[in-house]
PDB file of N, CA and C in Angstrom:
ATOM      1  N   MET A   1      83.049  67.094 130.205  1.00  0.00           N
ATOM      2  CA  MET A   1      82.735  67.663 128.907  1.00  0.00           C
ATOM      3  C   MET A   1      81.558  66.873 128.343  1.00  0.00           C
ATOM      4  N   ASP A   2      80.575  67.576 127.821  1.00  0.00           N
ATOM      5  CA  ASP A   2      79.421  66.891 127.245  1.00  0.00           C
ATOM      6  C   ASP A   2      79.608  66.685 125.739  1.00  0.00           C
ATOM      7  N   LYS A   3      78.612  66.076 125.121  1.00  0.00           N
ATOM      8  CA  LYS A   3      78.714  65.715 123.706  1.00  0.00           C
ATOM      9  C   LYS A   3      78.895  66.955 122.818  1.00  0.00           C
ATOM     10  N   MET A   4      78.146  68.021 123.060  1.00  0.00           N
ATOM     11  CA  MET A   4      78.256  69.220 122.218  1.00  0.00           C
ATOM     12  C   MET A   4      79.617  69.890 122.374  1.00  0.00           C
ATOM     13  N   GLN A   5      80.123  69.962 123.592  1.00  0.00           N
ATOM     14  CA  GLN A   5      81.451  70.529 123.813  1.00  0.00           C
ATOM     15  C   GLN A   5      82.517  69.677 123.122  1.00  0.00           C
ATOM     16  N   SER A   6      82.348  68.371 123.182  1.00  0.00           N
ATOM     17  CA  SER A   6      83.298  67.472 122.529  1.00  0.00           C
ATOM     18  C   SER A   6      83.267  67.643 121.020  1.00  0.00           C
ATOM     19  N   LEU A   7      82.073  67.774 120.454  1.00  0.00           N
ATOM     20  CA  LEU A   7      81.965  68.005 119.011  1.00  0.00           C
ATOM     21  C   LEU A   7      82.638  69.308 118.611  1.00  0.00           C
ATOM     22  N   ASN A   8      82.489  70.341 119.433  1.00  0.00           N
ATOM     23  CA  ASN A   8      83.133  71.624 119.172  1.00  0.00           C
ATOM     24  C   ASN A   8      84.659  71.469 119.221  1.00  0.00           C
ATOM     25  N   ALA A   9      85.149  70.706 120.201  1.00  0.00           N
ATOM     26  CA  ALA A   9      86.593  70.475 120.321  1.00  0.00           C
ATOM     27  C   ALA A   9      87.114  69.689 119.120  1.00  0.00           C
ATOM     28  N   PHE A  10      86.405  68.646 118.730  1.00  0.00           N
ATOM     29  CA  PHE A  10      86.833  67.861 117.567  1.00  0.00           C
ATOM     30  C   PHE A  10      86.810  68.696 116.297  1.00  0.00           C
ATOM     31  N   SER A  11      85.825  69.550 116.178  1.00  0.00           N
ATOM     32  CA  SER A  11      85.759  70.446 115.017  1.00  0.00           C
ATOM     33  C   SER A  11      86.976  71.364 114.984  1.00  0.00           C
ATOM     34  N   ALA A  12      87.340  71.894 116.139  1.00  0.00           N
ATOM     35  CA  ALA A  12      88.508  72.773 116.220  1.00  0.00           C
ATOM     36  C   ALA A  12      89.786  72.024 115.861  1.00  0.00           C
ATOM     37  N   LEU A  13      89.878  70.776 116.255  1.00  0.00           N
ATOM     38  CA  LEU A  13      91.081  69.981 115.998  1.00  0.00           C
ATOM     39  C   LEU A  13      91.134  69.408 114.584  1.00  0.00           C
ATOM     40  N   SER A  14      90.064  69.538 113.839  1.00  0.00           N
ATOM     41  CA  SER A  14      90.007  68.907 112.518  1.00  0.00           C
ATOM     42  C   SER A  14      90.711  69.716 111.430  1.00  0.00           C
ATOM     43  N   GLN A  15      91.379  70.782 111.807  1.00  0.00           N
ATOM     44  CA  GLN A  15      92.133  71.605 110.859  1.00  0.00           C
ATOM     45  C   GLN A  15      93.615  71.476 111.205  1.00  0.00           C
ATOM     46  N   GLU A  16      94.451  71.277 110.211  1.00  0.00           N
ATOM     47  CA  GLU A  16      95.861  70.933 110.417  1.00  0.00           C
ATOM     48  C   GLU A  16      96.613  71.937 111.282  1.00  0.00           C
ATOM     49  N   THR A  17      96.488  73.212 111.000  1.00  0.00           N
ATOM     50  CA  THR A  17      97.226  74.227 111.763  1.00  0.00           C
ATOM     51  C   THR A  17      96.789  74.244 113.215  1.00  0.00           C
ATOM     52  N   ARG A  18      95.503  74.111 113.459  1.00  0.00           N
ATOM     53  CA  ARG A  18      95.016  74.113 114.839  1.00  0.00           C
ATOM     54  C   ARG A  18      95.492  72.872 115.594  1.00  0.00           C
ATOM     55  N   LEU A  19      95.474  71.732 114.947  1.00  0.00           N
ATOM     56  CA  LEU A  19      95.979  70.516 115.586  1.00  0.00           C
ATOM     57  C   LEU A  19      97.464  70.669 115.914  1.00  0.00           C
ATOM     58  N   ASP A  20      98.227  71.211 114.969  1.00  0.00           N
ATOM     59  CA  ASP A  20      99.656  71.448 115.205  1.00  0.00           C
ATOM     60  C   ASP A  20      99.871  72.425 116.359  1.00  0.00           C
ATOM     61  N   ALA A  21      99.034  73.451 116.444  1.00  0.00           N
ATOM     62  CA  ALA A  21      99.174  74.448 117.511  1.00  0.00           C
ATOM     63  C   ALA A  21      98.916  73.828 118.885  1.00  0.00           C
ATOM     64  N   VAL A  22      97.878  72.997 118.988  1.00  0.00           N
ATOM     65  CA  VAL A  22      97.592  72.350 120.270  1.00  0.00           C
ATOM     66  C   VAL A  22      98.754  71.446 120.664  1.00  0.00           C
ATOM     67  N   ARG A  23      99.247  70.673 119.737  1.00  0.00           N
ATOM     68  CA  ARG A  23     100.371  69.778 120.046  1.00  0.00           C
ATOM     69  C   ARG A  23     101.615  70.571 120.441  1.00  0.00           C
ATOM     70  N   LEU A  24     101.854  71.691 119.776  1.00  0.00           N
ATOM     71  CA  LEU A  24     102.986  72.551 120.104  1.00  0.00           C
ATOM     72  C   LEU A  24     102.843  73.112 121.516  1.00  0.00           C
ATOM     73  N   LEU A  25     101.639  73.553 121.867  1.00  0.00           N
ATOM     74  CA  LEU A  25     101.421  74.114 123.199  1.00  0.00           C
ATOM     75  C   LEU A  25     101.503  73.043 124.286  1.00  0.00           C
ATOM     76  N   ILE A  26     101.097  71.832 123.977  1.00  0.00           N
ATOM     77  CA  ILE A  26     101.267  70.741 124.937  1.00  0.00           C
ATOM     78  C   ILE A  26     102.751  70.528 125.188  1.00  0.00           C
ATOM     79  N   THR A  27     103.549  70.562 124.128  1.00  0.00           N
ATOM     80  CA  THR A  27     104.998  70.403 124.250  1.00  0.00           C
ATOM     81  C   THR A  27     105.616  71.550 125.047  1.00  0.00           C
ATOM     82  N   ALA A  28     105.091  72.768 124.871  1.00  0.00           N
ATOM     83  CA  ALA A  28     105.630  73.938 125.572  1.00  0.00           C
ATOM     84  C   ALA A  28     105.389  73.864 127.075  1.00  0.00           C
ATOM     85  N   GLY A  29     104.402  73.108 127.497  1.00  0.00           N
ATOM     86  CA  GLY A  29     104.131  72.934 128.920  1.00  0.00           C
ATOM     87  C   GLY A  29     103.665  74.204 129.597  1.00  0.00           C
ATOM     88  N   THR A  30     104.068  74.377 130.846  1.00  0.00           N
ATOM     89  CA  THR A  30     103.573  75.487 131.658  1.00  0.00           C
ATOM     90  C   THR A  30     104.138  76.839 131.235  1.00  0.00           C
ATOM     91  N   ASP A  31     105.196  76.856 130.422  1.00  0.00           N
ATOM     92  CA  ASP A  31     105.744  78.120 129.931  1.00  0.00           C
ATOM     93  C   ASP A  31     104.863  78.738 128.851  1.00  0.00           C
ATOM     94  N   GLY A  32     104.107  77.900 128.143  1.00  0.00           N
ATOM     95  CA  GLY A  32     103.292  78.408 127.049  1.00  0.00           C
ATOM     96  C   GLY A  32     104.150  79.047 125.977  1.00  0.00           C
ATOM     97  N   MET A  33     103.509  79.745 125.065  1.00  0.00           N
ATOM     98  CA  MET A  33     104.228  80.429 123.989  1.00  0.00           C
ATOM     99  C   MET A  33     103.484  81.699 123.604  1.00  0.00           C
ATOM    100  N   ALA A  34     104.246  82.708 123.227  1.00  0.00           N
ATOM    101  CA  ALA A  34     103.650  83.933 122.710  1.00  0.00           C
ATOM    102  C   ALA A  34     103.059  83.640 121.331  1.00  0.00           C
ATOM    103  N   ALA A  35     102.050  84.396 120.965  1.00  0.00           N
ATOM    104  CA  ALA A  35     101.369  84.193 119.688  1.00  0.00           C
ATOM    105  C   ALA A  35     102.356  84.220 118.523  1.00  0.00           C
ATOM    106  N   GLY A  36     103.281  85.161 118.525  1.00  0.00           N
ATOM    107  CA  GLY A  36     104.259  85.266 117.454  1.00  0.00           C
ATOM    108  C   GLY A  36     105.180  84.058 117.385  1.00  0.00           C
ATOM    109  N   GLU A  37     105.525  83.502 118.542  1.00  0.00           N
ATOM    110  CA  GLU A  37     106.356  82.303 118.576  1.00  0.00           C
ATOM    111  C   GLU A  37     105.632  81.114 117.945  1.00  0.00           C
ATOM    112  N   ILE A  38     104.346  80.996 118.233  1.00  0.00           N
ATOM    113  CA  ILE A  38     103.550  79.909 117.653  1.00  0.00           C
ATOM    114  C   ILE A  38     103.486  80.075 116.143  1.00  0.00           C
ATOM    115  N   SER A  39     103.208  81.286 115.716  1.00  0.00           N
ATOM    116  CA  SER A  39     103.124  81.598 114.292  1.00  0.00           C
ATOM    117  C   SER A  39     104.429  81.266 113.585  1.00  0.00           C
ATOM    118  N   ASP A  40     105.549  81.688 114.164  1.00  0.00           N
ATOM    119  CA  ASP A  40     106.864  81.419 113.576  1.00  0.00           C
ATOM    120  C   ASP A  40     107.168  79.922 113.537  1.00  0.00           C
ATOM    121  N   ALA A  41     106.878  79.227 114.639  1.00  0.00           N
ATOM    122  CA  ALA A  41     107.183  77.800 114.724  1.00  0.00           C
ATOM    123  C   ALA A  41     106.402  76.984 113.698  1.00  0.00           C
ATOM    124  N   LEU A  42     105.185  77.429 113.400  1.00  0.00           N
ATOM    125  CA  LEU A  42     104.337  76.686 112.470  1.00  0.00           C
ATOM    126  C   LEU A  42     104.378  77.243 111.047  1.00  0.00           C
ATOM    127  N   GLY A  43     105.079  78.373 110.873  1.00  0.00           N
ATOM    128  CA  GLY A  43     105.177  78.976 109.543  1.00  0.00           C
ATOM    129  C   GLY A  43     103.849  79.475 109.013  1.00  0.00           C
ATOM    130  N   VAL A  44     103.076  80.099 109.894  1.00  0.00           N
ATOM    131  CA  VAL A  44     101.745  80.591 109.546  1.00  0.00           C
ATOM    132  C   VAL A  44     101.704  82.102 109.784  1.00  0.00           C
ATOM    133  N   LYS A  45     101.039  82.836 108.896  1.00  0.00           N
ATOM    134  CA  LYS A  45     100.900  84.285 109.086  1.00  0.00           C
ATOM    135  C   LYS A  45     100.227  84.567 110.429  1.00  0.00           C
ATOM    136  N   GLN A  46     100.652  85.669 111.058  1.00  0.00           N
ATOM    137  CA  GLN A  46     100.155  85.974 112.398  1.00  0.00           C
ATOM    138  C   GLN A  46      98.643  86.177 112.453  1.00  0.00           C
ATOM    139  N   ASN A  47      98.064  86.841 111.443  1.00  0.00           N
ATOM    140  CA  ASN A  47      96.617  87.057 111.494  1.00  0.00           C
ATOM    141  C   ASN A  47      95.860  85.735 111.325  1.00  0.00           C
ATOM    142  N   THR A  48      96.375  84.835 110.501  1.00  0.00           N
ATOM    143  CA  THR A  48      95.766  83.516 110.334  1.00  0.00           C
ATOM    144  C   THR A  48      95.911  82.709 111.615  1.00  0.00           C
ATOM    145  N   MET A  49      97.087  82.787 112.242  1.00  0.00           N
ATOM    146  CA  MET A  49      97.320  82.060 113.484  1.00  0.00           C
ATOM    147  C   MET A  49      96.407  82.573 114.578  1.00  0.00           C
ATOM    148  N   SER A  50      96.217  83.875 114.629  1.00  0.00           N
ATOM    149  CA  SER A  50      95.344  84.472 115.633  1.00  0.00           C
ATOM    150  C   SER A  50      93.921  83.932 115.518  1.00  0.00           C
ATOM    151  N   ALA A  51      93.426  83.822 114.301  1.00  0.00           N
ATOM    152  CA  ALA A  51      92.079  83.282 114.090  1.00  0.00           C
ATOM    153  C   ALA A  51      92.008  81.830 114.536  1.00  0.00           C
ATOM    154  N   ASN A  52      93.037  81.053 114.221  1.00  0.00           N
ATOM    155  CA  ASN A  52      93.056  79.651 114.627  1.00  0.00           C
ATOM    156  C   ASN A  52      93.148  79.495 116.151  1.00  0.00           C
ATOM    157  N   LEU A  53      93.935  80.326 116.788  1.00  0.00           N
ATOM    158  CA  LEU A  53      94.056  80.268 118.246  1.00  0.00           C
ATOM    159  C   LEU A  53      92.739  80.643 118.915  1.00  0.00           C
ATOM    160  N   SER A  54      92.023  81.561 118.324  1.00  0.00           N
ATOM    161  CA  SER A  54      90.709  81.946 118.848  1.00  0.00           C
ATOM    162  C   SER A  54      89.730  80.769 118.804  1.00  0.00           C
ATOM    163  N   VAL A  55      89.747  80.026 117.719  1.00  0.00           N
ATOM    164  CA  VAL A  55      88.884  78.845 117.600  1.00  0.00           C
ATOM    165  C   VAL A  55      89.225  77.826 118.677  1.00  0.00           C
ATOM    166  N   LEU A  56      90.513  77.592 118.898  1.00  0.00           N
ATOM    167  CA  LEU A  56      90.950  76.626 119.901  1.00  0.00           C
ATOM    168  C   LEU A  56      90.587  77.073 121.317  1.00  0.00           C
ATOM    169  N   ALA A  57      90.713  78.361 121.583  1.00  0.00           N
ATOM    170  CA  ALA A  57      90.352  78.886 122.905  1.00  0.00           C
ATOM    171  C   ALA A  57      88.848  78.741 123.128  1.00  0.00           C
ATOM    172  N   HIS A  58      88.073  79.053 122.116  1.00  0.00           N
ATOM    173  CA  HIS A  58      86.613  78.932 122.218  1.00  0.00           C
ATOM    174  C   HIS A  58      86.203  77.476 122.465  1.00  0.00           C
ATOM    175  N   ALA A  59      86.958  76.534 121.920  1.00  0.00           N
ATOM    176  CA  ALA A  59      86.666  75.107 122.099  1.00  0.00           C
ATOM    177  C   ALA A  59      87.150  74.578 123.448  1.00  0.00           C
ATOM    178  N   GLY A  60      87.853  75.410 124.221  1.00  0.00           N
ATOM    179  CA  GLY A  60      88.314  74.999 125.541  1.00  0.00           C
ATOM    180  C   GLY A  60      89.565  74.140 125.530  1.00  0.00           C
ATOM    181  N   LEU A  61      90.326  74.195 124.435  1.00  0.00           N
ATOM    182  CA  LEU A  61      91.529  73.375 124.325  1.00  0.00           C
ATOM    183  C   LEU A  61      92.801  74.133 124.665  1.00  0.00           C
ATOM    184  N   ILE A  62      92.752  75.454 124.570  1.00  0.00           N
ATOM    185  CA  ILE A  62      93.873  76.294 124.966  1.00  0.00           C
ATOM    186  C   ILE A  62      93.327  77.466 125.772  1.00  0.00           C
ATOM    187  N   ARG A  63      94.223  78.123 126.474  1.00  0.00           N
ATOM    188  CA  ARG A  63      93.860  79.338 127.213  1.00  0.00           C
ATOM    189  C   ARG A  63      94.939  80.370 126.942  1.00  0.00           C
ATOM    190  N   PHE A  64      94.681  81.611 127.310  1.00  0.00           N
ATOM    191  CA  PHE A  64      95.654  82.664 127.050  1.00  0.00           C
ATOM    192  C   PHE A  64      95.683  83.668 128.187  1.00  0.00           C
ATOM    193  N   VAL A  65      96.819  84.368 128.261  1.00  0.00           N
ATOM    194  CA  VAL A  65      97.028  85.437 129.234  1.00  0.00           C
ATOM    195  C   VAL A  65      97.636  86.605 128.476  1.00  0.00           C
ATOM    196  N   ARG A  66      97.066  87.774 128.672  1.00  0.00           N
ATOM    197  CA  ARG A  66      97.613  88.978 128.038  1.00  0.00           C
ATOM    198  C   ARG A  66      98.821  89.447 128.832  1.00  0.00           C
ATOM    199  N   GLU A  67      99.910  89.723 128.111  1.00  0.00           N
ATOM    200  CA  GLU A  67     101.151  90.237 128.705  1.00  0.00           C
ATOM    201  C   GLU A  67     101.483  91.545 128.002  1.00  0.00           C
ATOM    202  N   GLY A  68     100.917  92.629 128.500  1.00  0.00           N
ATOM    203  CA  GLY A  68     101.099  93.921 127.834  1.00  0.00           C
ATOM    204  C   GLY A  68     100.439  93.899 126.476  1.00  0.00           C
ATOM    205  N   ARG A  69     101.219  94.103 125.425  1.00  0.00           N
ATOM    206  CA  ARG A  69     100.679  94.097 124.071  1.00  0.00           C
ATOM    207  C   ARG A  69     100.703  92.708 123.438  1.00  0.00           C
ATOM    208  N   SER A  70     101.256  91.755 124.149  1.00  0.00           N
ATOM    209  CA  SER A  70     101.393  90.395 123.637  1.00  0.00           C
ATOM    210  C   SER A  70     100.415  89.464 124.345  1.00  0.00           C
ATOM    211  N   ILE A  71     100.169  88.319 123.743  1.00  0.00           N
ATOM    212  CA  ILE A  71      99.319  87.296 124.348  1.00  0.00           C
ATOM    213  C   ILE A  71     100.117  85.991 124.389  1.00  0.00           C
ATOM    214  N   ARG A  72     100.106  85.357 125.557  1.00  0.00           N
ATOM    215  CA  ARG A  72     100.785  84.069 125.731  1.00  0.00           C
ATOM    216  C   ARG A  72      99.702  82.996 125.806  1.00  0.00           C
ATOM    217  N   TYR A  73      99.912  81.925 125.052  1.00  0.00           N
ATOM    218  CA  TYR A  73      98.954  80.830 124.973  1.00  0.00           C
ATOM    219  C   TYR A  73      99.498  79.593 125.669  1.00  0.00           C
ATOM    220  N   PHE A  74      98.590  78.808 126.216  1.00  0.00           N
ATOM    221  CA  PHE A  74      98.911  77.592 126.951  1.00  0.00           C
ATOM    222  C   PHE A  74      97.918  76.503 126.565  1.00  0.00           C
ATOM    223  N   ALA A  75      98.351  75.258 126.614  1.00  0.00           N
ATOM    224  CA  ALA A  75      97.399  74.150 126.487  1.00  0.00           C
ATOM    225  C   ALA A  75      96.485  74.203 127.707  1.00  0.00           C
ATOM    226  N   ASP A  76      95.204  73.996 127.505  1.00  0.00           N
ATOM    227  CA  ASP A  76      94.253  73.940 128.616  1.00  0.00           C
ATOM    228  C   ASP A  76      94.097  72.468 128.995  1.00  0.00           C
ATOM    229  N   TYR A  77      94.871  72.040 129.977  1.00  0.00           N
ATOM    230  CA  TYR A  77      94.900  70.631 130.334  1.00  0.00           C
ATOM    231  C   TYR A  77      93.558  70.156 130.888  1.00  0.00           C
ATOM    232  N   ASP A  78      92.815  71.027 131.536  1.00  0.00           N
ATOM    233  CA  ASP A  78      91.486  70.633 132.011  1.00  0.00           C
ATOM    234  C   ASP A  78      90.565  70.345 130.823  1.00  0.00           C
ATOM    235  N   GLY A  79      90.620  71.187 129.804  1.00  0.00           N
ATOM    236  CA  GLY A  79      89.814  70.959 128.608  1.00  0.00           C
ATOM    237  C   GLY A  79      90.224  69.690 127.887  1.00  0.00           C
ATOM    238  N   LEU A  80      91.525  69.467 127.763  1.00  0.00           N
ATOM    239  CA  LEU A  80      92.021  68.258 127.103  1.00  0.00           C
ATOM    240  C   LEU A  80      91.643  67.004 127.896  1.00  0.00           C
ATOM    241  N   LYS A  81      91.755  67.076 129.232  1.00  0.00           N
ATOM    242  CA  LYS A  81      91.341  65.936 130.057  1.00  0.00           C
ATOM    243  C   LYS A  81      89.845  65.695 129.928  1.00  0.00           C
ATOM    244  N   GLY A  82      89.077  66.779 129.832  1.00  0.00           N
ATOM    245  CA  GLY A  82      87.634  66.641 129.663  1.00  0.00           C
ATOM    246  C   GLY A  82      87.288  65.925 128.369  1.00  0.00           C
ATOM    247  N   LEU A  83      88.005  66.253 127.298  1.00  0.00           N
ATOM    248  CA  LEU A  83      87.760  65.613 126.010  1.00  0.00           C
ATOM    249  C   LEU A  83      88.124  64.126 126.081  1.00  0.00           C
ATOM    250  N   LEU A  84      89.284  63.822 126.637  1.00  0.00           N
ATOM    251  CA  LEU A  84      89.678  62.419 126.786  1.00  0.00           C
ATOM    252  C   LEU A  84      88.727  61.671 127.720  1.00  0.00           C
ATOM    253  N   GLY A  85      88.295  62.345 128.764  1.00  0.00           N
ATOM    254  CA  GLY A  85      87.341  61.734 129.695  1.00  0.00           C
ATOM    255  C   GLY A  85      86.025  61.410 129.021  1.00  0.00           C
ATOM    256  N   PHE A  86      85.564  62.303 128.158  1.00  0.00           N
ATOM    257  CA  PHE A  86      84.332  62.051 127.410  1.00  0.00           C
ATOM    258  C   PHE A  86      84.491  60.807 126.539  1.00  0.00           C
ATOM    259  N   LEU A  87      85.625  60.695 125.859  1.00  0.00           N
ATOM    260  CA  LEU A  87      85.862  59.541 124.995  1.00  0.00           C
ATOM    261  C   LEU A  87      85.949  58.241 125.789  1.00  0.00           C
ATOM    262  N   MET A  88      86.525  58.306 126.974  1.00  0.00           N
ATOM    263  CA  MET A  88      86.783  57.100 127.762  1.00  0.00           C
ATOM    264  C   MET A  88      85.736  56.869 128.851  1.00  0.00           C
ATOM    265  N   GLN A  89      84.652  57.609 128.803  1.00  0.00           N
ATOM    266  CA  GLN A  89      83.652  57.599 129.865  1.00  0.00           C
ATOM    267  C   GLN A  89      83.174  56.193 130.237  1.00  0.00           C
ATOM    268  N   ASP A  90      82.881  55.391 129.277  1.00  0.00           N
ATOM    269  CA  ASP A  90      82.391  54.034 129.537  1.00  0.00           C
ATOM    270  C   ASP A  90      83.421  53.010 129.070  1.00  0.00           C
ATOM    271  N   CYS A  91      84.631  53.243 129.435  1.00  0.00           N
ATOM    272  CA  CYS A  91      85.772  52.479 128.946  1.00  0.00           C
ATOM    273  C   CYS A  91      85.637  50.979 129.150  1.00  0.00           C
ATOM    274  N   CYS A  92      85.745  50.277 128.085  1.00  0.00           N
ATOM    275  CA  CYS A  92      85.946  48.827 128.062  1.00  0.00           C
ATOM    276  C   CYS A  92      84.868  48.019 128.772  1.00  0.00           C
ATOM    277  N   GLY A  93      83.676  48.564 128.894  1.00  0.00           N
ATOM    278  CA  GLY A  93      82.572  47.813 129.479  1.00  0.00           C
ATOM    279  C   GLY A  93      82.873  47.261 130.861  1.00  0.00           C
ATOM    280  N   GLY A  94      83.610  48.014 131.650  1.00  0.00           N
ATOM    281  CA  GLY A  94      83.919  47.583 133.009  1.00  0.00           C
ATOM    282  C   GLY A  94      85.182  46.749 133.141  1.00  0.00           C
ATOM    283  N   HIS A  95      85.871  46.500 132.060  1.00  0.00           N
ATOM    284  CA  HIS A  95      87.121  45.740 132.095  1.00  0.00           C
ATOM    285  C   HIS A  95      88.299  46.713 132.087  1.00  0.00           C
ATOM    286  N   LYS A  96      88.555  47.278 133.244  1.00  0.00           N
ATOM    287  CA  LYS A  96      89.567  48.331 133.345  1.00  0.00           C
ATOM    288  C   LYS A  96      90.951  47.876 132.893  1.00  0.00           C
ATOM    289  N   ASP A  97      91.243  46.615 132.984  1.00  0.00           N
ATOM    290  CA  ASP A  97      92.551  46.116 132.554  1.00  0.00           C
ATOM    291  C   ASP A  97      92.772  46.347 131.058  1.00  0.00           C
ATOM    292  N   LEU A  98      91.691  46.407 130.281  1.00  0.00           N
ATOM    293  CA  LEU A  98      91.815  46.683 128.850  1.00  0.00           C
ATOM    294  C   LEU A  98      92.182  48.149 128.589  1.00  0.00           C
ATOM    295  N   CYS A  99      91.732  49.040 129.472  1.00  0.00           N
ATOM    296  CA  CYS A  99      91.995  50.478 129.317  1.00  0.00           C
ATOM    297  C   CYS A  99      93.345  50.894 129.882  1.00  0.00           C
ATOM    298  N   GLN A 100      93.870  50.134 130.812  1.00  0.00           N
ATOM    299  CA  GLN A 100      95.066  50.559 131.534  1.00  0.00           C
ATOM    300  C   GLN A 100      96.249  50.900 130.639  1.00  0.00           C
ATOM    301  N   PRO A 101      96.550  50.134 129.588  1.00  0.00           N
ATOM    302  CA  PRO A 101      97.675  50.527 128.727  1.00  0.00           C
ATOM    303  C   PRO A 101      97.472  51.917 128.109  1.00  0.00           C
ATOM    304  N   PHE A 102      96.258  52.227 127.716  1.00  0.00           N
ATOM    305  CA  PHE A 102      95.968  53.549 127.159  1.00  0.00           C
ATOM    306  C   PHE A 102      96.149  54.627 128.217  1.00  0.00           C
ATOM    307  N   ILE A 103      95.607  54.387 129.395  1.00  0.00           N
ATOM    308  CA  ILE A 103      95.707  55.365 130.489  1.00  0.00           C
ATOM    309  C   ILE A 103      97.177  55.597 130.851  1.00  0.00           C
ATOM    310  N   ASP A 104      97.960  54.513 130.908  1.00  0.00           N
ATOM    311  CA  ASP A 104      99.384  54.645 131.220  1.00  0.00           C
ATOM    312  C   ASP A 104     100.111  55.484 130.169  1.00  0.00           C
ATOM    313  N   GLN A 105      99.728  55.321 128.902  1.00  0.00           N
ATOM    314  CA  GLN A 105     100.361  56.091 127.830  1.00  0.00           C
ATOM    315  C   GLN A 105      99.997  57.559 127.920  1.00  0.00           C
ATOM    316  N   VAL A 106      98.746  57.871 128.241  1.00  0.00           N
ATOM    317  CA  VAL A 106      98.291  59.260 128.333  1.00  0.00           C
ATOM    318  C   VAL A 106      98.897  59.958 129.539  1.00  0.00           C
ATOM    319  N   MET A 107      98.995  59.248 130.649  1.00  0.00           N
ATOM    320  CA  MET A 107      99.543  59.818 131.868  1.00  0.00           C
ATOM    321  C   MET A 107     101.067  59.728 131.801  1.00  0.00           C
ATOM    322  N   CYS A 108     101.667  60.730 131.179  1.00  0.00           N
ATOM    323  CA  CYS A 108     103.100  60.694 130.868  1.00  0.00           C
ATOM    324  C   CYS A 108     103.988  60.870 132.105  1.00  0.00           C
ATOM    325  N   GLY A 109     103.404  61.083 133.260  1.00  0.00           N
ATOM    326  CA  GLY A 109     104.209  61.252 134.455  1.00  0.00           C
ATOM    327  C   GLY A 109     104.747  62.672 134.602  1.00  0.00           C
ATOM    328  N   CYS A 110     104.164  63.605 133.844  1.00  0.00           N
ATOM    329  CA  CYS A 110     104.600  65.009 133.904  1.00  0.00           C
ATOM    330  C   CYS A 110     104.131  65.642 135.188  1.00  0.00           C
TER     331      CYS A 110
END
Protein backbone atom coordinates (compact mmCIF):
# COMPACT_ATOMS: atom_id res chain seq x y z
CA MET A 1 0.00 0.00 0.00
CA ASP A 2 1.41 3.40 -0.89
CA LYS A 3 1.08 6.71 0.94
CA MET A 4 -2.05 7.88 -0.94
CA GLN A 5 -3.84 4.57 -0.44
CA SER A 6 -2.93 4.68 3.25
CA LEU A 7 -4.27 8.22 3.58
CA ASN A 8 -7.52 7.09 1.95
CA ALA A 9 -7.75 4.16 4.38
CA PHE A 10 -7.07 6.38 7.40
CA SER A 11 -9.68 8.84 6.17
CA ALA A 12 -12.21 6.02 5.91
CA LEU A 13 -11.38 4.83 9.43
CA SER A 14 -11.59 8.31 10.94
CA GLN A 15 -15.38 8.10 11.29
CA GLU A 16 -16.80 6.21 14.28
CA THR A 17 -19.37 4.06 12.46
CA ARG A 18 -16.89 3.01 9.80
CA LEU A 19 -14.26 2.11 12.38
CA ASP A 20 -16.86 0.08 14.29
CA ALA A 21 -17.91 -1.67 11.07
CA VAL A 22 -14.35 -2.70 10.20
CA ARG A 23 -13.78 -4.03 13.71
CA LEU A 24 -17.10 -5.90 13.58
CA LEU A 25 -16.19 -7.49 10.24
CA ILE A 26 -12.77 -8.50 11.54
CA THR A 27 -14.56 -10.22 14.43
CA ALA A 28 -16.98 -11.93 12.00
CA GLY A 29 -14.03 -13.56 10.24
CA THR A 30 -14.52 -15.57 7.07
CA ASP A 31 -18.31 -15.75 7.51
CA GLY A 32 -18.66 -12.00 7.02
CA MET A 33 -21.99 -10.33 7.65
CA ALA A 34 -24.97 -9.24 5.61
CA ALA A 35 -25.44 -5.49 5.30
CA GLY A 36 -28.60 -5.59 7.42
CA GLU A 37 -26.81 -7.53 10.16
CA ILE A 38 -24.08 -4.90 10.30
CA SER A 39 -26.66 -2.13 10.41
CA ASP A 40 -28.58 -3.85 13.22
CA ALA A 41 -25.45 -4.66 15.23
CA LEU A 42 -24.26 -1.06 15.11
CA GLY A 43 -27.70 0.55 15.45
CA VAL A 44 -27.33 2.53 12.24
CA LYS A 45 -29.97 3.12 9.54
CA GLN A 46 -29.46 0.84 6.55
CA ASN A 47 -29.03 3.64 4.00
CA THR A 48 -26.43 5.35 6.23
CA MET A 49 -24.65 2.04 6.78
CA SER A 50 -24.63 1.37 3.05
CA ALA A 51 -22.87 4.68 2.40
CA ASN A 52 -20.31 3.94 5.11
CA LEU A 53 -19.65 0.44 3.78
CA SER A 54 -19.11 1.89 0.32
CA VAL A 55 -16.43 4.23 1.68
CA LEU A 56 -14.68 1.33 3.41
CA ALA A 57 -14.80 -0.84 0.28
CA HIS A 58 -13.40 1.99 -1.82
CA ALA A 59 -10.54 2.35 0.70
CA GLY A 60 -9.71 -1.35 0.33
CA LEU A 61 -10.51 -2.25 3.93
CA ILE A 62 -13.56 -4.42 3.28
CA ARG A 63 -14.89 -6.41 0.36
CA PHE A 64 -18.35 -7.64 -0.55
CA VAL A 65 -20.15 -10.42 -2.40
CA ARG A 66 -23.66 -10.11 -3.77
CA GLU A 67 -25.99 -12.91 -2.61
CA GLY A 68 -29.17 -12.48 -4.61
CA ARG A 69 -30.77 -9.28 -3.36
CA SER A 70 -28.46 -9.09 -0.36
CA ILE A 71 -24.80 -8.13 -0.01
CA ARG A 72 -22.40 -9.87 2.39
CA TYR A 73 -19.40 -7.90 3.62
CA PHE A 74 -16.03 -9.17 4.80
CA ALA A 75 -12.89 -7.61 6.23
CA ASP A 76 -10.32 -7.33 3.45
CA TYR A 77 -7.33 -8.82 5.22
CA ASP A 78 -4.99 -8.04 2.32
CA GLY A 79 -5.96 -4.37 2.53
CA LEU A 80 -5.59 -4.33 6.31
CA LYS A 81 -2.19 -6.05 6.08
CA GLY A 82 -1.17 -3.52 3.44
CA LEU A 83 -2.06 -0.65 5.76
CA LEU A 84 -0.17 -2.19 8.68
CA GLY A 85 2.74 -2.98 6.37
CA PHE A 86 2.89 0.63 5.25
CA LEU A 87 3.03 1.79 8.87
CA MET A 88 5.69 -0.76 9.81
CA GLN A 89 7.70 -0.53 6.59
CA ASP A 90 10.88 0.78 8.21
CA CYS A 91 10.23 -0.71 11.61
CA CYS A 92 12.55 0.16 14.43
CA GLY A 93 15.53 1.20 12.32
CA GLY A 94 16.64 -2.38 11.79
CA HIS A 95 16.15 -3.49 15.40
CA LYS A 96 13.57 -6.17 14.76
CA ASP A 97 13.52 -7.21 18.41
CA LEU A 98 11.80 -3.89 19.19
CA CYS A 99 9.01 -4.67 16.68
CA GLN A 100 8.50 -8.30 17.62
CA PRO A 101 6.06 -7.69 20.52
CA PHE A 102 3.85 -5.65 18.18
CA ILE A 103 4.05 -8.25 15.41
CA ASP A 104 3.21 -11.02 17.89
CA GLN A 105 0.15 -9.07 19.06
CA VAL A 106 -1.09 -8.45 15.50
CA MET A 107 -0.54 -12.03 14.41
CA CYS A 108 -3.32 -13.50 16.55
CA GLY A 109 -2.68 -17.04 15.34
CA CYS A 110 -5.98 -17.14 13.43
